[in-house]
């Protein structure tokens, strides 16, 4: 049985599970550029709890696979606040030193990258994960972590449209 988690629950709790989910494909907002029909763009919205497989094989086959980890913002903020002193003034000073060492622009870029998954989920109106998106949101498969299986399901769905 596949696990699915609501993206919107991120604002309430990082990993609030909404229970088992049957696999289905849902069309989502179509984008202007559908991509290569033989090798569609594959975007995967997931969390650390999702053990993804099949990415290497798809890359070898010429697919463009982009992964977006919804836990990335939490990980980044956790790394910045790790081992801060208990004293608020000292903690602020330590954090400022870390920001200077990291570089503010570098940190800003890391934050942008970390939040891309959530931004993409909102753009495509994805409400649970893991979610495997094809052709820039033309279709999405929820609950599948085996990317080769997701491509197979997508191809089956496509062949049903072409009948």
Protein backbone atom coordinates (compact mmCIF):
# COMPACT_ATOMS: atom_id res chain seq x y z
CA UNK A 1 0.00 0.00 0.00
CA UNK A 2 1.33 3.43 -0.88
CA UNK A 3 1.67 6.31 1.58
CA UNK A 4 0.63 9.78 0.70
CA UNK A 5 1.05 13.02 2.59
CA UNK A 6 -0.65 16.36 2.12
CA UNK A 7 1.56 19.19 0.92
CA UNK A 8 -0.69 21.74 2.61
CA UNK A 9 -0.06 20.05 5.95
CA UNK A 10 3.51 21.35 5.77
CA UNK A 11 2.35 24.61 7.25
CA UNK A 12 0.84 22.71 10.21
CA UNK A 13 3.22 19.81 10.55
CA UNK A 14 6.14 18.72 8.41
CA UNK A 15 5.11 15.14 7.80
CA UNK A 16 1.43 14.72 8.62
CA UNK A 17 0.34 11.52 6.89
CA UNK A 18 -3.19 11.34 5.52
CA UNK A 19 -3.17 7.57 5.19
CA UNK A 20 -2.94 5.02 2.39
CA UNK A 21 -3.81 6.06 -1.12
CA UNK A 22 -4.66 4.10 -4.22
CA UNK A 23 -2.49 5.02 -7.17
CA UNK A 24 -4.16 7.20 -9.78
CA UNK A 25 -3.19 9.74 -12.36
CA UNK A 26 -4.71 13.19 -12.18
CA UNK A 27 -4.39 15.77 -14.95
CA UNK A 28 -3.23 19.10 -13.54
CA UNK A 29 -2.75 22.57 -14.99
CA UNK A 30 -1.26 22.22 -18.47
CA UNK A 31 1.80 24.29 -19.26
CA UNK A 32 2.70 25.93 -22.56
CA UNK A 33 5.67 23.62 -23.23
CA UNK A 34 4.66 19.93 -22.92
CA UNK A 35 8.21 18.67 -23.53
CA UNK A 36 9.47 15.68 -25.51
CA UNK A 37 6.75 13.00 -25.75
CA UNK A 38 9.34 10.20 -25.92
CA UNK A 39 11.17 11.44 -22.83
CA UNK A 40 8.94 13.78 -20.83
CA UNK A 41 10.26 15.96 -18.04
CA UNK A 42 9.75 14.13 -14.74
CA UNK A 43 9.47 16.19 -11.57
CA UNK A 44 9.25 14.36 -8.24
CA UNK A 45 7.92 16.02 -5.10
CA UNK A 46 8.89 13.91 -2.10
CA UNK A 47 10.18 13.89 1.47
CA UNK A 48 13.04 12.17 3.27
CA UNK A 49 10.66 9.37 4.25
CA UNK A 50 10.12 8.44 0.58
CA UNK A 51 12.67 5.93 -0.68
CA UNK A 52 12.84 6.78 -4.37
CA UNK A 53 14.14 4.23 -6.85
CA UNK A 54 14.66 4.02 -10.60
CA UNK A 55 16.11 7.49 -11.12
CA UNK A 56 19.50 6.29 -12.38
CA UNK A 57 17.94 4.03 -15.01
CA UNK A 58 15.65 6.79 -16.26
CA UNK A 59 18.58 9.20 -16.51
CA UNK A 60 20.47 6.57 -18.56
CA UNK A 61 17.45 6.34 -20.87
CA UNK A 62 17.56 10.09 -21.49
CA UNK A 63 14.82 11.32 -19.18
CA UNK A 64 15.20 14.63 -17.40
CA UNK A 65 14.41 13.85 -13.74
CA UNK A 66 14.21 16.64 -11.17
CA UNK A 67 13.79 15.87 -7.48
CA UNK A 68 12.25 18.30 -5.00
CA UNK A 69 12.56 17.31 -1.34
CA UNK A 70 9.94 18.99 0.83
CA UNK A 71 12.17 18.40 3.88
CA UNK A 72 14.95 20.58 2.43
CA UNK A 73 13.84 23.84 4.13
CA UNK A 74 13.65 22.10 7.51
CA UNK A 75 17.09 20.56 6.98
CA UNK A 76 18.66 23.89 6.02
CA UNK A 77 17.18 25.76 8.97
CA UNK A 78 18.14 22.92 11.29
CA UNK A 79 21.76 23.03 10.09
CA UNK A 80 21.90 26.79 10.69
CA UNK A 81 20.49 26.50 14.20
CA UNK A 82 22.49 23.44 15.22
CA UNK A 83 24.47 23.81 18.47
CA UNK A 84 23.37 27.38 19.16
CA UNK A 85 24.05 28.61 22.70
CA UNK A 86 21.10 28.72 25.13
CA UNK A 87 21.66 32.44 25.76
CA UNK A 88 19.62 34.42 23.23
CA UNK A 89 22.25 37.13 22.72
CA UNK A 90 25.04 34.59 22.24
CA UNK A 91 22.83 32.53 19.90
CA UNK A 92 22.10 35.62 17.80
CA UNK A 93 25.82 36.45 17.60
CA UNK A 94 26.68 32.84 16.63
CA UNK A 95 23.97 32.83 13.96
CA UNK A 96 25.26 36.12 12.52
CA UNK A 97 28.77 34.61 12.33
CA UNK A 98 27.40 31.57 10.51
CA UNK A 99 25.54 33.79 8.06
CA UNK A 100 28.74 35.73 7.36
CA UNK A 101 30.73 32.51 6.88
CA UNK A 102 28.08 31.07 4.58
CA UNK A 103 27.58 34.31 2.73
CA UNK A 104 24.18 35.92 2.62
CA UNK A 105 23.76 35.46 -1.13
CA UNK A 106 24.77 31.80 -0.89
CA UNK A 107 22.28 31.30 1.93
CA UNK A 108 19.58 33.10 -0.04
CA UNK A 109 20.19 30.76 -2.99
CA UNK A 110 20.08 27.72 -0.68
CA UNK A 111 16.74 28.90 0.71
CA UNK A 112 15.33 29.43 -2.78
CA UNK A 113 16.45 25.95 -3.80
CA UNK A 114 15.12 24.41 -0.59
CA UNK A 115 11.66 25.91 -1.10
CA UNK A 116 11.36 25.02 -4.81
CA UNK A 117 9.44 21.82 -4.04
CA UNK A 118 6.78 23.61 -2.04
CA UNK A 119 6.56 26.34 -4.68
CA UNK A 120 6.15 23.76 -7.43
CA UNK A 121 3.51 21.88 -5.43
CA UNK A 122 1.52 25.10 -5.03
CA UNK A 123 1.94 26.01 -8.71
CA UNK A 124 0.64 22.61 -9.87
CA UNK A 125 -1.95 22.42 -7.06
CA UNK A 126 -0.42 19.21 -5.69
CA UNK A 127 -2.07 18.38 -2.37
CA UNK A 128 -0.17 15.21 -1.33
CA UNK A 129 3.14 13.51 -1.87
CA UNK A 130 5.04 11.66 -3.10
CA UNK A 131 3.91 13.01 -6.45
CA UNK A 132 5.53 12.26 -9.81
CA UNK A 133 4.72 14.96 -12.37
CA UNK A 134 5.08 14.56 -16.12
CA UNK A 135 5.44 17.15 -18.88
CA UNK A 136 5.52 20.18 -16.57
CA UNK A 137 2.37 19.22 -14.72
CA UNK A 138 0.35 17.70 -17.55
CA UNK A 139 -0.22 14.63 -15.39
CA UNK A 140 0.66 13.51 -11.88
CA UNK A 141 0.91 10.12 -10.22
CA UNK A 142 0.50 10.10 -6.45
CA UNK A 143 1.91 7.57 -4.00
CA UNK A 144 4.55 5.93 -6.22
CA UNK A 145 8.23 6.03 -5.28
CA UNK A 146 9.51 3.68 -8.01
CA UNK A 147 10.08 6.14 -10.84
CA UNK A 148 10.22 3.42 -13.50
CA UNK A 149 6.80 2.20 -12.35
CA UNK A 150 5.53 5.79 -12.49
CA UNK A 151 6.71 6.09 -16.11
CA UNK A 152 4.98 2.79 -16.91
CA UNK A 153 1.71 4.01 -15.36
CA UNK A 154 2.02 7.30 -17.22
CA UNK A 155 2.56 5.47 -20.52
CA UNK A 156 -0.51 3.31 -19.85
CA UNK A 157 -2.56 6.44 -19.17
CA UNK A 158 -1.22 8.07 -22.35
CA UNK A 159 -2.11 5.03 -24.49
CA UNK A 160 -5.68 5.21 -23.14
CA UNK A 161 -5.92 8.82 -24.29
CA UNK A 162 -4.70 7.92 -27.79
CA UNK A 163 -7.37 5.28 -28.45
